[in-house]
Amino acid sequence: MYNPARRQLLKAACLGGASILFAGLYPHKASASAMDIYKGVTYLPPAYRGLRYGIDGFIDTLKQNIFDGTEIQFFDSGSLMKADAQLPALMEGNIQFMFHATTYITRSVPIVGVTGLPEICDQLYKHGNRLAIKSPLWRLINDQLAKDNLFMLTVGAGLTESEYIWSRYKQIKELTDLKGMRCRVVGSEVSRLIEKFGGKTTRIPSSQTYLALQRGTVDAAVLAINTVIARNLQEQLRFCLKLPVTGVGVAVFFKKDYWDSMPASIKEAFWKAGKWYDTHMSRTGYQQIPREQYWPLIQKAGITITIPTDRQKADFLRQVKPIWNWWKGQVGETLGAKAIALARGM
């Protein structure tokens, strides 16, 4: 549901936060056609091998197709800004594009939350074509993002393998085991699910999760396998409940009016990079690298993995329907129902 008040809140927060963060940096001109520098960011360090495979390939492809006299400046590992600063910086115009995990921005732009819905996320991992460039779901998301002056070029034709519930001391075999436990989360959708079963949630960036587990700040964490390995969290974890409680993709975002004003040749270079990303991120970054490199490390670490039974999977599907309904209330019943249907291939 389009909410003008929420849009104004987003705009005010972004403008205020970014203007403080970037005080002293040289401003870019308002018109894309007057610029020859395109600045992009990601907070992800090289340790995220699977995700960085796609990100680095996008940048390489972009640079190969950009014309002389145009410079692509790319800052990774949070070297220019932290994760939560990226969206404000984009809206302020201090960067021109960003790679951002979808889970981090669903509170600001709820339509992206369809990627974080429990069970739905598993569908989008297994059937990534449903999120490919110019797919019906991609178009629907962008139609809504445009109301907040955002444009999502690509999310890599799918999502990473779903995020699961990992714990250090207590084995979680059912969602009811979460009662009273403190759980690290990022996205708002999974927060609702954890709280539904009596868990207490706290939003902690991936870079701080190791210490949070080590110090006992949290008892459990909702994590993607990419984050577990990239942050060496297998050293602090003993158990995993392999239920698809939420999901994440790494998407490329622009301000919509900025994208629309870009010269055709520059825009074409970004389209080519986006199509490369769609093809290779889904197949290699999201699937092959985690399957072949990450899960063997989990096995080596001796982490006990609980695989849900068919009964548990059926129960889970029933249990998450209220979360879907809550999310539909955030974006509008008709729009939400359509997005979920497209994500499920209906």
C-alpha atoms as a PDB file:
ATOM      1  CA  MET A   1       0.000   0.000   0.000  1.00  0.00           C
ATOM      2  CA  TYR A   2       1.457   3.384  -0.966  1.00  0.00           C
ATOM      3  CA  ASN A   3       1.820   5.440   2.187  1.00  0.00           C
ATOM      4  CA  PRO A   4       2.748   9.126   1.675  1.00  0.00           C
ATOM      5  CA  ALA A   5       3.595   9.551   5.358  1.00  0.00           C
ATOM      6  CA  ARG A   6       6.026   6.632   5.246  1.00  0.00           C
ATOM      7  CA  ARG A   7       7.559   8.013   2.075  1.00  0.00           C
ATOM      8  CA  GLN A   8       8.156  11.389   3.694  1.00  0.00           C
ATOM      9  CA  LEU A   9       9.650   9.679   6.739  1.00  0.00           C
ATOM     10  CA  LEU A  10      12.000   7.689   4.520  1.00  0.00           C
ATOM     11  CA  LYS A  11      12.988  10.823   2.619  1.00  0.00           C
ATOM     12  CA  ALA A  12      13.622  12.850   5.767  1.00  0.00           C
ATOM     13  CA  ALA A  13      15.657  10.103   7.420  1.00  0.00           C
ATOM     14  CA  CYS A  14      17.718   9.515   4.306  1.00  0.00           C
ATOM     15  CA  LEU A  15      18.423  13.175   3.652  1.00  0.00           C
ATOM     16  CA  GLY A  16      19.280  13.945   7.241  1.00  0.00           C
ATOM     17  CA  GLY A  17      21.475  10.901   7.807  1.00  0.00           C
ATOM     18  CA  ALA A  18      23.354  11.178   4.542  1.00  0.00           C
ATOM     19  CA  SER A  19      23.986  14.915   4.774  1.00  0.00           C
ATOM     20  CA  ILE A  20      25.628  14.417   8.158  1.00  0.00           C
ATOM     21  CA  LEU A  21      27.583  11.369   7.040  1.00  0.00           C
ATOM     22  CA  PHE A  22      28.890  13.006   3.904  1.00  0.00           C
ATOM     23  CA  ALA A  23      29.580  16.489   5.146  1.00  0.00           C
ATOM     24  CA  GLY A  24      32.801  17.610   3.533  1.00  0.00           C
ATOM     25  CA  LEU A  25      32.642  15.233   0.557  1.00  0.00           C
ATOM     26  CA  TYR A  26      32.346  16.839  -2.834  1.00  0.00           C
ATOM     27  CA  PRO A  27      28.762  16.827  -4.142  1.00  0.00           C
ATOM     28  CA  HIS A  28      27.812  15.286  -7.444  1.00  0.00           C
ATOM     29  CA  LYS A  29      25.800  17.232  -9.947  1.00  0.00           C
ATOM     30  CA  ALA A  30      22.093  16.514 -10.012  1.00  0.00           C
ATOM     31  CA  SER A  31      21.942  15.420 -13.633  1.00  0.00           C
ATOM     32  CA  ALA A  32      23.435  12.055 -14.564  1.00  0.00           C
ATOM     33  CA  SER A  33      24.236  13.318 -18.055  1.00  0.00           C
ATOM     34  CA  ALA A  34      26.578  15.944 -16.556  1.00  0.00           C
ATOM     35  CA  MET A  35      28.628  13.382 -14.667  1.00  0.00           C
ATOM     36  CA  ASP A  36      31.532  11.181 -15.601  1.00  0.00           C
ATOM     37  CA  ILE A  37      32.002   9.464 -12.237  1.00  0.00           C
ATOM     38  CA  TYR A  38      29.678   6.695 -11.055  1.00  0.00           C
ATOM     39  CA  LYS A  39      30.236   5.689  -7.462  1.00  0.00           C
ATOM     40  CA  GLY A  40      28.993   2.363  -6.118  1.00  0.00           C
ATOM     41  CA  VAL A  41      29.287   0.577  -2.769  1.00  0.00           C
ATOM     42  CA  THR A  42      28.828  -2.674  -0.913  1.00  0.00           C
ATOM     43  CA  TYR A  43      29.469  -3.372   2.745  1.00  0.00           C
ATOM     44  CA  LEU A  44      30.366  -7.009   1.944  1.00  0.00           C
ATOM     45  CA  PRO A  45      34.059  -7.947   2.294  1.00  0.00           C
ATOM     46  CA  PRO A  46      35.854 -10.494   0.063  1.00  0.00           C
ATOM     47  CA  ALA A  47      35.213 -13.209   2.685  1.00  0.00           C
ATOM     48  CA  TYR A  48      31.704 -13.451   1.221  1.00  0.00           C
ATOM     49  CA  ARG A  49      33.141 -15.444  -1.675  1.00  0.00           C
ATOM     50  CA  GLY A  50      29.855 -16.478  -3.233  1.00  0.00           C
ATOM     51  CA  LEU A  51      28.223 -13.068  -3.092  1.00  0.00           C
ATOM     52  CA  ARG A  52      31.365 -11.238  -4.088  1.00  0.00           C
ATOM     53  CA  TYR A  53      31.684 -13.512  -7.121  1.00  0.00           C
ATOM     54  CA  GLY A  54      28.558 -11.888  -8.518  1.00  0.00           C
ATOM     55  CA  ILE A  55      29.319  -8.366  -7.308  1.00  0.00           C
ATOM     56  CA  ASP A  56      32.872  -8.342  -8.656  1.00  0.00           C
ATOM     57  CA  GLY A  57      31.706  -9.851 -11.939  1.00  0.00           C
ATOM     58  CA  PHE A  58      29.080  -7.119 -12.271  1.00  0.00           C
ATOM     59  CA  ILE A  59      31.714  -4.405 -11.767  1.00  0.00           C
ATOM     60  CA  ASP A  60      34.133  -6.049 -14.214  1.00  0.00           C
ATOM     61  CA  THR A  61      31.411  -6.387 -16.860  1.00  0.00           C
ATOM     62  CA  LEU A  62      30.328  -2.786 -16.303  1.00  0.00           C
ATOM     63  CA  LYS A  63      33.862  -1.455 -16.735  1.00  0.00           C
ATOM     64  CA  GLN A  64      34.324  -3.468 -19.919  1.00  0.00           C
ATOM     65  CA  ASN A  65      31.274  -1.807 -21.459  1.00  0.00           C
ATOM     66  CA  ILE A  66      31.730   1.743 -20.224  1.00  0.00           C
ATOM     67  CA  PHE A  67      33.080   4.341 -22.658  1.00  0.00           C
ATOM     68  CA  ASP A  68      36.354   6.238 -22.231  1.00  0.00           C
ATOM     69  CA  GLY A  69      36.161   9.281 -20.015  1.00  0.00           C
ATOM     70  CA  THR A  70      33.711   7.663 -17.617  1.00  0.00           C
ATOM     71  CA  GLU A  71      35.007   6.355 -14.302  1.00  0.00           C
ATOM     72  CA  ILE A  72      33.465   3.674 -12.115  1.00  0.00           C
ATOM     73  CA  GLN A  73      34.500   4.073  -8.490  1.00  0.00           C
ATOM     74  CA  PHE A  74      33.597   1.056  -6.385  1.00  0.00           C
ATOM     75  CA  PHE A  75      34.032   0.799  -2.608  1.00  0.00           C
ATOM     76  CA  ASP A  76      33.622  -2.535  -0.848  1.00  0.00           C
ATOM     77  CA  SER A  77      33.926  -3.916   2.696  1.00  0.00           C
ATOM     78  CA  GLY A  78      32.219  -0.893   4.194  1.00  0.00           C
ATOM     79  CA  SER A  79      35.284   1.196   3.298  1.00  0.00           C
ATOM     80  CA  LEU A  80      33.109   4.171   2.337  1.00  0.00           C
ATOM     81  CA  MET A  81      30.079   3.496   4.552  1.00  0.00           C
ATOM     82  CA  LYS A  82      28.409   0.844   6.680  1.00  0.00           C
ATOM     83  CA  ALA A  83      25.359  -1.143   5.597  1.00  0.00           C
ATOM     84  CA  ASP A  84      22.737   1.082   7.214  1.00  0.00           C
ATOM     85  CA  ALA A  85      24.280   4.213   5.683  1.00  0.00           C
ATOM     86  CA  GLN A  86      23.961   3.024   2.076  1.00  0.00           C
ATOM     87  CA  LEU A  87      20.299   3.808   1.451  1.00  0.00           C
ATOM     88  CA  PRO A  88      20.515   7.336   2.916  1.00  0.00           C
ATOM     89  CA  ALA A  89      23.641   7.980   0.829  1.00  0.00           C
ATOM     90  CA  LEU A  90      21.895   6.789  -2.329  1.00  0.00           C
ATOM     91  CA  MET A  91      18.897   9.029  -1.720  1.00  0.00           C
ATOM     92  CA  GLU A  92      21.161  11.998  -1.017  1.00  0.00           C
ATOM     93  CA  GLY A  93      23.043  11.420  -4.285  1.00  0.00           C
ATOM     94  CA  ASN A  94      26.446  10.835  -2.709  1.00  0.00           C
ATOM     95  CA  ILE A  95      26.598   7.440  -4.410  1.00  0.00           C
ATOM     96  CA  GLN A  96      24.978   6.462  -7.691  1.00  0.00           C
ATOM     97  CA  PHE A  97      24.349   2.752  -7.112  1.00  0.00           C
ATOM     98  CA  MET A  98      24.590   0.233  -4.313  1.00  0.00           C
ATOM     99  CA  PHE A  99      24.650  -3.508  -3.755  1.00  0.00           C
ATOM    100  CA  HIS A 100      22.457  -4.123  -0.741  1.00  0.00           C
ATOM    101  CA  ALA A 101      21.075  -7.182   1.029  1.00  0.00           C
ATOM    102  CA  THR A 102      17.308  -7.048   0.714  1.00  0.00           C
ATOM    103  CA  THR A 103      16.777  -7.921   4.394  1.00  0.00           C
ATOM    104  CA  TYR A 104      18.401  -4.653   5.485  1.00  0.00           C
ATOM    105  CA  ILE A 105      15.883  -2.371   3.778  1.00  0.00           C
ATOM    106  CA  THR A 106      12.498  -4.075   4.129  1.00  0.00           C
ATOM    107  CA  ARG A 107      11.591  -1.768   7.011  1.00  0.00           C
ATOM    108  CA  SER A 108      12.066   1.265   4.728  1.00  0.00           C
ATOM    109  CA  VAL A 109      10.679  -0.243   1.516  1.00  0.00           C
ATOM    110  CA  PRO A 110       8.244  -3.023   2.504  1.00  0.00           C
ATOM    111  CA  ILE A 111       7.612  -4.318  -1.041  1.00  0.00           C
ATOM    112  CA  VAL A 112      11.107  -5.840  -0.997  1.00  0.00           C
ATOM    113  CA  GLY A 113       9.920  -7.837   2.026  1.00  0.00           C
ATOM    114  CA  VAL A 114       8.375 -10.444  -0.275  1.00  0.00           C
ATOM    115  CA  THR A 115      11.917 -11.837  -0.556  1.00  0.00           C
ATOM    116  CA  GLY A 116      12.084 -12.221   3.228  1.00  0.00           C
ATOM    117  CA  LEU A 117       8.803 -14.026   3.803  1.00  0.00           C
ATOM    118  CA  PRO A 118       9.209 -17.469   5.427  1.00  0.00           C
ATOM    119  CA  GLU A 119       8.788 -20.364   2.960  1.00  0.00           C
ATOM    120  CA  ILE A 120       8.342 -17.885   0.090  1.00  0.00           C
ATOM    121  CA  CYS A 121      12.082 -17.285   0.271  1.00  0.00           C
ATOM    122  CA  ASP A 122      12.714 -20.965  -0.431  1.00  0.00           C
ATOM    123  CA  GLN A 123      10.564 -20.746  -3.544  1.00  0.00           C
ATOM    124  CA  LEU A 124      12.610 -17.810  -4.825  1.00  0.00           C
ATOM    125  CA  TYR A 125      15.851 -19.664  -4.122  1.00  0.00           C
ATOM    126  CA  LYS A 126      14.742 -22.769  -6.022  1.00  0.00           C
ATOM    127  CA  HIS A 127      12.991 -20.838  -8.810  1.00  0.00           C
ATOM    128  CA  GLY A 128      15.145 -17.760  -9.224  1.00  0.00           C
ATOM    129  CA  ASN A 129      13.760 -17.001 -12.667  1.00  0.00           C
ATOM    130  CA  ARG A 130      10.697 -15.609 -10.907  1.00  0.00           C
ATOM    131  CA  LEU A 131      12.876 -12.673  -9.800  1.00  0.00           C
ATOM    132  CA  ALA A 132      14.852 -12.274 -13.026  1.00  0.00           C
ATOM    133  CA  ILE A 133      15.151  -8.939 -14.800  1.00  0.00           C
ATOM    134  CA  LYS A 134      11.832  -7.963 -16.436  1.00  0.00           C
ATOM    135  CA  SER A 135       9.964 -10.885 -14.858  1.00  0.00           C
ATOM    136  CA  PRO A 136       6.424 -10.058 -13.633  1.00  0.00           C
ATOM    137  CA  LEU A 137       7.581 -10.003 -10.003  1.00  0.00           C
ATOM    138  CA  TRP A 138      10.571  -7.782 -10.847  1.00  0.00           C
ATOM    139  CA  ARG A 139       8.211  -5.356 -12.597  1.00  0.00           C
ATOM    140  CA  LEU A 140       5.748  -5.378  -9.719  1.00  0.00           C
ATOM    141  CA  ILE A 141       8.499  -4.619  -7.181  1.00  0.00           C
ATOM    142  CA  ASN A 142       9.872  -1.804  -9.319  1.00  0.00           C
ATOM    143  CA  ASP A 143       6.438  -0.282  -9.859  1.00  0.00           C
ATOM    144  CA  GLN A 144       6.198   0.125  -6.090  1.00  0.00           C
ATOM    145  CA  LEU A 145       9.810   1.169  -5.553  1.00  0.00           C
ATOM    146  CA  ALA A 146       9.282   3.986  -8.045  1.00  0.00           C
ATOM    147  CA  LYS A 147       6.892   5.614  -5.568  1.00  0.00           C
ATOM    148  CA  ASP A 148       9.871   6.000  -3.234  1.00  0.00           C
ATOM    149  CA  ASN A 149      12.119   7.094  -6.123  1.00  0.00           C
ATOM    150  CA  LEU A 150      14.025   3.793  -6.187  1.00  0.00           C
ATOM    151  CA  PHE A 151      14.883   1.378  -8.978  1.00  0.00           C
ATOM    152  CA  MET A 152      16.130  -2.198  -8.571  1.00  0.00           C
ATOM    153  CA  LEU A 153      18.176  -3.197 -11.597  1.00  0.00           C
ATOM    154  CA  THR A 154      18.741  -6.809 -10.549  1.00  0.00           C
ATOM    155  CA  VAL A 155      18.694  -9.083  -7.537  1.00  0.00           C
ATOM    156  CA  GLY A 156      20.656 -11.820  -9.269  1.00  0.00           C
ATOM    157  CA  ALA A 157      17.689 -13.844 -10.587  1.00  0.00           C
ATOM    158  CA  GLY A 158      16.820 -15.309  -7.233  1.00  0.00           C
ATOM    159  CA  LEU A 159      17.948 -15.404  -3.630  1.00  0.00           C
ATOM    160  CA  THR A 160      20.622 -17.105  -1.585  1.00  0.00           C
ATOM    161  CA  GLU A 161      19.745 -20.347   0.114  1.00  0.00           C
ATOM    162  CA  SER A 162      17.230 -19.505   2.840  1.00  0.00           C
ATOM    163  CA  GLU A 163      18.369 -18.230   6.201  1.00  0.00           C
ATOM    164  CA  TYR A 164      18.054 -20.788   8.984  1.00  0.00           C
ATOM    165  CA  ILE A 165      18.031 -20.652  12.789  1.00  0.00           C
ATOM    166  CA  TRP A 166      21.445 -21.368  14.314  1.00  0.00           C
ATOM    167  CA  SER A 167      22.223 -21.706  18.009  1.00  0.00           C
ATOM    168  CA  ARG A 168      25.151 -22.224  20.335  1.00  0.00           C
ATOM    169  CA  TYR A 169      23.993 -24.000  23.483  1.00  0.00           C
ATOM    170  CA  LYS A 170      20.401 -25.135  23.021  1.00  0.00           C
ATOM    171  CA  GLN A 171      19.307 -27.274  20.087  1.00  0.00           C
ATOM    172  CA  ILE A 172      16.204 -25.843  18.444  1.00  0.00           C
ATOM    173  CA  LYS A 173      14.134 -28.640  16.944  1.00  0.00           C
ATOM    174  CA  GLU A 174      10.813 -26.805  16.671  1.00  0.00           C
ATOM    175  CA  LEU A 175       9.882 -23.140  16.459  1.00  0.00           C
ATOM    176  CA  THR A 176       8.259 -23.500  19.887  1.00  0.00           C
ATOM    177  CA  ASP A 177      11.777 -24.055  21.293  1.00  0.00           C
ATOM    178  CA  LEU A 178      12.451 -20.358  20.634  1.00  0.00           C
ATOM    179  CA  LYS A 179      10.338 -19.283  23.604  1.00  0.00           C
ATOM    180  CA  GLY A 180      12.366 -17.001  25.844  1.00  0.00           C
ATOM    181  CA  MET A 181      15.469 -17.131  23.638  1.00  0.00           C
ATOM    182  CA  ARG A 182      17.268 -14.034  22.396  1.00  0.00           C
ATOM    183  CA  CYS A 183      17.709 -14.235  18.640  1.00  0.00           C
ATOM    184  CA  ARG A 184      19.747 -12.145  16.215  1.00  0.00           C
ATOM    185  CA  VAL A 185      17.763 -11.012  13.188  1.00  0.00           C
ATOM    186  CA  VAL A 186      17.910  -8.357  10.487  1.00  0.00           C
ATOM    187  CA  GLY A 187      14.646  -8.381   8.518  1.00  0.00           C
ATOM    188  CA  SER A 188      11.281  -7.352   9.933  1.00  0.00           C
ATOM    189  CA  GLU A 189       9.461 -10.374   8.478  1.00  0.00           C
ATOM    190  CA  VAL A 190      11.468 -12.958  10.398  1.00  0.00           C
ATOM    191  CA  SER A 191      11.254 -10.784  13.517  1.00  0.00           C
ATOM    192  CA  ARG A 192       7.487 -11.248  13.456  1.00  0.00           C
ATOM    193  CA  LEU A 193       7.909 -15.006  13.133  1.00  0.00           C
ATOM    194  CA  ILE A 194      10.383 -15.340  16.005  1.00  0.00           C
ATOM    195  CA  GLU A 195       8.251 -13.167  18.259  1.00  0.00           C
ATOM    196  CA  LYS A 196       5.150 -15.167  17.338  1.00  0.00           C
ATOM    197  CA  PHE A 197       6.777 -18.168  19.020  1.00  0.00           C
ATOM    198  CA  GLY A 198       7.908 -16.301  22.107  1.00  0.00           C
ATOM    199  CA  GLY A 199      11.460 -15.440  21.087  1.00  0.00           C
ATOM    200  CA  LYS A 200      13.051 -12.057  21.695  1.00  0.00           C
ATOM    201  CA  THR A 201      14.676 -10.430  18.670  1.00  0.00           C
ATOM    202  CA  THR A 202      17.530  -7.993  18.350  1.00  0.00           C
ATOM    203  CA  ARG A 203      18.782  -6.479  15.116  1.00  0.00           C
ATOM    204  CA  ILE A 204      22.535  -7.030  14.868  1.00  0.00           C
ATOM    205  CA  PRO A 205      24.698  -6.466  11.756  1.00  0.00           C
ATOM    206  CA  SER A 206      26.560  -9.506  10.468  1.00  0.00           C
ATOM    207  CA  SER A 207      29.904  -7.924  11.394  1.00  0.00           C
ATOM    208  CA  GLN A 208      28.909  -7.877  15.087  1.00  0.00           C
ATOM    209  CA  THR A 209      27.291 -11.296  15.283  1.00  0.00           C
ATOM    210  CA  TYR A 210      30.432 -13.239  16.220  1.00  0.00           C
ATOM    211  CA  LEU A 211      30.935 -11.224  19.397  1.00  0.00           C
ATOM    212  CA  ALA A 212      27.213 -11.281  20.177  1.00  0.00           C
ATOM    213  CA  LEU A 213      27.276 -15.084  20.152  1.00  0.00           C
ATOM    214  CA  GLN A 214      30.584 -15.300  21.993  1.00  0.00           C
ATOM    215  CA  ARG A 215      29.483 -12.960  24.780  1.00  0.00           C
ATOM    216  CA  GLY A 216      26.036 -14.502  25.102  1.00  0.00           C
ATOM    217  CA  THR A 217      24.256 -11.341  23.974  1.00  0.00           C
ATOM    218  CA  VAL A 218      22.095 -13.650  21.863  1.00  0.00           C
ATOM    219  CA  ASP A 219      21.280 -17.350  22.207  1.00  0.00           C
ATOM    220  CA  ALA A 220      20.519 -17.925  18.542  1.00  0.00           C
ATOM    221  CA  ALA A 221      20.851 -16.212  15.189  1.00  0.00           C
ATOM    222  CA  VAL A 222      18.969 -16.194  11.892  1.00  0.00           C
ATOM    223  CA  LEU A 223      21.725 -16.507   9.307  1.00  0.00           C
ATOM    224  CA  ALA A 224      22.436 -17.324   5.686  1.00  0.00           C
ATOM    225  CA  ILE A 225      25.188 -19.871   5.086  1.00  0.00           C
ATOM    226  CA  ASN A 226      27.187 -17.109   3.352  1.00  0.00           C
ATOM    227  CA  THR A 227      27.282 -15.107   6.579  1.00  0.00           C
ATOM    228  CA  VAL A 228      28.136 -18.103   8.750  1.00  0.00           C
ATOM    229  CA  ILE A 229      31.281 -18.860   6.764  1.00  0.00           C
ATOM    230  CA  ALA A 230      32.284 -15.301   5.870  1.00  0.00           C
ATOM    231  CA  ARG A 231      32.155 -14.267   9.530  1.00  0.00           C
ATOM    232  CA  ASN A 232      33.587 -17.577  10.875  1.00  0.00           C
ATOM    233  CA  LEU A 233      30.457 -18.090  12.938  1.00  0.00           C
ATOM    234  CA  GLN A 234      30.827 -21.864  12.731  1.00  0.00           C
ATOM    235  CA  GLU A 235      33.343 -21.378  15.546  1.00  0.00           C
ATOM    236  CA  GLN A 236      30.526 -20.187  17.825  1.00  0.00           C
ATOM    237  CA  LEU A 237      27.659 -22.414  16.648  1.00  0.00           C
ATOM    238  CA  ARG A 238      26.661 -25.991  17.409  1.00  0.00           C
ATOM    239  CA  PHE A 239      23.146 -26.422  16.021  1.00  0.00           C
ATOM    240  CA  CYS A 240      21.075 -25.485  12.971  1.00  0.00           C
ATOM    241  CA  LEU A 241      17.336 -25.837  12.360  1.00  0.00           C
ATOM    242  CA  LYS A 242      17.021 -25.967   8.601  1.00  0.00           C
ATOM    243  CA  LEU A 243      13.664 -24.237   8.188  1.00  0.00           C
ATOM    244  CA  PRO A 244      13.437 -21.457   5.541  1.00  0.00           C
ATOM    245  CA  VAL A 245      12.475 -18.715   7.981  1.00  0.00           C
ATOM    246  CA  THR A 246      13.579 -15.849   5.749  1.00  0.00           C
ATOM    247  CA  GLY A 247      15.671 -15.113   2.684  1.00  0.00           C
ATOM    248  CA  VAL A 248      18.016 -12.559   1.231  1.00  0.00           C
ATOM    249  CA  GLY A 249      19.253 -11.441  -2.148  1.00  0.00           C
ATOM    250  CA  VAL A 250      21.926  -8.882  -2.992  1.00  0.00           C
ATOM    251  CA  ALA A 251      20.265  -6.338  -5.251  1.00  0.00           C
ATOM    252  CA  VAL A 252      21.578  -3.375  -7.247  1.00  0.00           C
ATOM    253  CA  PHE A 253      19.665  -0.163  -6.546  1.00  0.00           C
ATOM    254  CA  PHE A 254      19.574   3.340  -8.050  1.00  0.00           C
ATOM    255  CA  LYS A 255      17.498   6.415  -7.412  1.00  0.00           C
ATOM    256  CA  LYS A 256      14.735   6.158  -9.993  1.00  0.00           C
ATOM    257  CA  ASP A 257      14.983   9.716 -11.305  1.00  0.00           C
ATOM    258  CA  TYR A 258      18.752   9.369 -11.537  1.00  0.00           C
ATOM    259  CA  TRP A 259      18.468   6.115 -13.471  1.00  0.00           C
ATOM    260  CA  ASP A 260      15.967   7.693 -15.847  1.00  0.00           C
ATOM    261  CA  SER A 261      18.303  10.627 -16.529  1.00  0.00           C
ATOM    262  CA  MET A 262      21.400   8.545 -17.260  1.00  0.00           C
ATOM    263  CA  PRO A 263      22.832   8.720 -20.804  1.00  0.00           C
ATOM    264  CA  ALA A 264      21.668   5.828 -22.969  1.00  0.00           C
ATOM    265  CA  SER A 265      25.197   4.460 -23.427  1.00  0.00           C
ATOM    266  CA  ILE A 266      25.840   4.364 -19.670  1.00  0.00           C
ATOM    267  CA  LYS A 267      22.468   2.818 -18.997  1.00  0.00           C
ATOM    268  CA  GLU A 268      23.162   0.137 -21.600  1.00  0.00           C
ATOM    269  CA  ALA A 269      26.450  -0.713 -19.860  1.00  0.00           C
ATOM    270  CA  PHE A 270      24.593  -1.181 -16.586  1.00  0.00           C
ATOM    271  CA  TRP A 271      21.952  -3.329 -18.305  1.00  0.00           C
ATOM    272  CA  LYS A 272      24.673  -5.598 -19.673  1.00  0.00           C
ATOM    273  CA  ALA A 273      26.249  -5.897 -16.236  1.00  0.00           C
ATOM    274  CA  GLY A 274      22.825  -6.601 -14.739  1.00  0.00           C
ATOM    275  CA  LYS A 275      22.153  -9.395 -17.217  1.00  0.00           C
ATOM    276  CA  TRP A 276      25.548 -10.921 -16.454  1.00  0.00           C
ATOM    277  CA  TYR A 277      24.661 -10.731 -12.763  1.00  0.00           C
ATOM    278  CA  ASP A 278      21.293 -12.408 -13.316  1.00  0.00           C
ATOM    279  CA  THR A 279      22.925 -15.313 -15.131  1.00  0.00           C
ATOM    280  CA  HIS A 280      25.962 -15.897 -12.938  1.00  0.00           C
ATOM    281  CA  MET A 281      24.947 -14.812  -9.450  1.00  0.00           C
ATOM    282  CA  SER A 282      22.008 -17.210  -9.320  1.00  0.00           C
ATOM    283  CA  ARG A 283      23.871 -20.210 -10.671  1.00  0.00           C
ATOM    284  CA  THR A 284      27.295 -19.733  -9.103  1.00  0.00           C
ATOM    285  CA  GLY A 285      27.196 -17.122  -6.350  1.00  0.00           C
ATOM    286  CA  TYR A 286      23.915 -18.142  -4.740  1.00  0.00           C
ATOM    287  CA  GLN A 287      24.049 -21.891  -5.348  1.00  0.00           C
ATOM    288  CA  GLN A 288      27.256 -23.544  -6.533  1.00  0.00           C
ATOM    289  CA  ILE A 289      29.813 -21.886  -4.241  1.00  0.00           C
ATOM    290  CA  PRO A 290      27.794 -22.365  -1.022  1.00  0.00           C
ATOM    291  CA  ARG A 291      26.947 -25.956  -1.936  1.00  0.00           C
ATOM    292  CA  GLU A 292      30.497 -26.952  -2.844  1.00  0.00           C
ATOM    293  CA  GLN A 293      32.552 -24.791  -0.457  1.00  0.00           C
ATOM    294  CA  TYR A 294      30.433 -23.711   2.531  1.00  0.00           C
ATOM    295  CA  TRP A 295      28.391 -26.706   3.624  1.00  0.00           C
ATOM    296  CA  PRO A 296      31.450 -29.011   3.780  1.00  0.00           C
ATOM    297  CA  LEU A 297      32.938 -26.551   6.298  1.00  0.00           C
ATOM    298  CA  ILE A 298      29.775 -26.771   8.388  1.00  0.00           C
ATOM    299  CA  GLN A 299      30.056 -30.536   8.382  1.00  0.00           C
ATOM    300  CA  LYS A 300      33.722 -30.316   9.332  1.00  0.00           C
ATOM    301  CA  ALA A 301      32.847 -28.007  12.229  1.00  0.00           C
ATOM    302  CA  GLY A 302      30.575 -30.723  13.624  1.00  0.00           C
ATOM    303  CA  ILE A 303      27.429 -28.613  13.689  1.00  0.00           C
ATOM    304  CA  THR A 304      24.288 -30.674  14.246  1.00  0.00           C
ATOM    305  CA  ILE A 305      21.710 -29.953  11.548  1.00  0.00           C
ATOM    306  CA  THR A 306      18.040 -30.654  12.180  1.00  0.00           C
ATOM    307  CA  ILE A 307      16.249 -31.482   8.915  1.00  0.00           C
ATOM    308  CA  PRO A 308      12.493 -30.907   9.239  1.00  0.00           C
ATOM    309  CA  THR A 309      10.230 -33.863   8.631  1.00  0.00           C
ATOM    310  CA  ASP A 310       7.388 -33.705   6.119  1.00  0.00           C
ATOM    311  CA  ARG A 311       5.016 -33.134   9.029  1.00  0.00           C
ATOM    312  CA  GLN A 312       7.122 -30.245  10.298  1.00  0.00           C
ATOM    313  CA  LYS A 313       7.240 -28.721   6.829  1.00  0.00           C
ATOM    314  CA  ALA A 314       3.458 -28.902   6.565  1.00  0.00           C
ATOM    315  CA  ASP A 315       3.091 -27.390  10.040  1.00  0.00           C
ATOM    316  CA  PHE A 316       5.555 -24.660   9.132  1.00  0.00           C
ATOM    317  CA  LEU A 317       3.565 -23.688   6.046  1.00  0.00           C
ATOM    318  CA  ARG A 318       0.478 -23.269   8.207  1.00  0.00           C
ATOM    319  CA  GLN A 319       2.394 -21.400  10.894  1.00  0.00           C
ATOM    320  CA  VAL A 320       3.804 -18.779   8.532  1.00  0.00           C
ATOM    321  CA  LYS A 321       0.534 -17.784   6.880  1.00  0.00           C
ATOM    322  CA  PRO A 322      -0.101 -15.108   9.571  1.00  0.00           C
ATOM    323  CA  ILE A 323       3.296 -13.575   8.728  1.00  0.00           C
ATOM    324  CA  TRP A 324       2.297 -13.412   5.055  1.00  0.00           C
ATOM    325  CA  ASN A 325      -0.964 -11.742   6.057  1.00  0.00           C
ATOM    326  CA  TRP A 326       0.869  -9.245   8.266  1.00  0.00           C
ATOM    327  CA  TRP A 327       3.156  -8.342   5.360  1.00  0.00           C
ATOM    328  CA  LYS A 328       0.199  -7.944   2.998  1.00  0.00           C
ATOM    329  CA  GLY A 329      -1.115  -5.422   5.480  1.00  0.00           C
ATOM    330  CA  GLN A 330       2.114  -3.447   5.059  1.00  0.00           C
ATOM    331  CA  VAL A 331       1.897  -3.184   1.267  1.00  0.00           C
ATOM    332  CA  GLY A 332      -1.819  -3.606   0.611  1.00  0.00           C
ATOM    333  CA  GLU A 333      -3.872  -6.796   0.487  1.00  0.00           C
ATOM    334  CA  THR A 334      -4.287  -6.979  -3.291  1.00  0.00           C
ATOM    335  CA  LEU A 335      -0.688  -6.052  -4.099  1.00  0.00           C
ATOM    336  CA  GLY A 336       0.701  -8.399  -1.445  1.00  0.00           C
ATOM    337  CA  ALA A 337      -1.416 -11.307  -2.600  1.00  0.00           C
ATOM    338  CA  LYS A 338      -0.276 -10.771  -6.190  1.00  0.00           C
ATOM    339  CA  ALA A 339       3.403 -10.609  -5.192  1.00  0.00           C
ATOM    340  CA  ILE A 340       3.144 -13.801  -3.153  1.00  0.00           C
ATOM    341  CA  ALA A 341       1.362 -15.586  -5.999  1.00  0.00           C
ATOM    342  CA  LEU A 342       4.073 -14.569  -8.456  1.00  0.00           C
ATOM    343  CA  ALA A 343       6.798 -15.664  -6.024  1.00  0.00           C
ATOM    344  CA  ARG A 344       5.100 -19.065  -5.691  1.00  0.00           C
ATOM    345  CA  GLY A 345       4.757 -19.457  -9.447  1.00  0.00           C
ATOM    346  CA  MET A 346       0.985 -19.110  -9.482  1.00  0.00           C
END
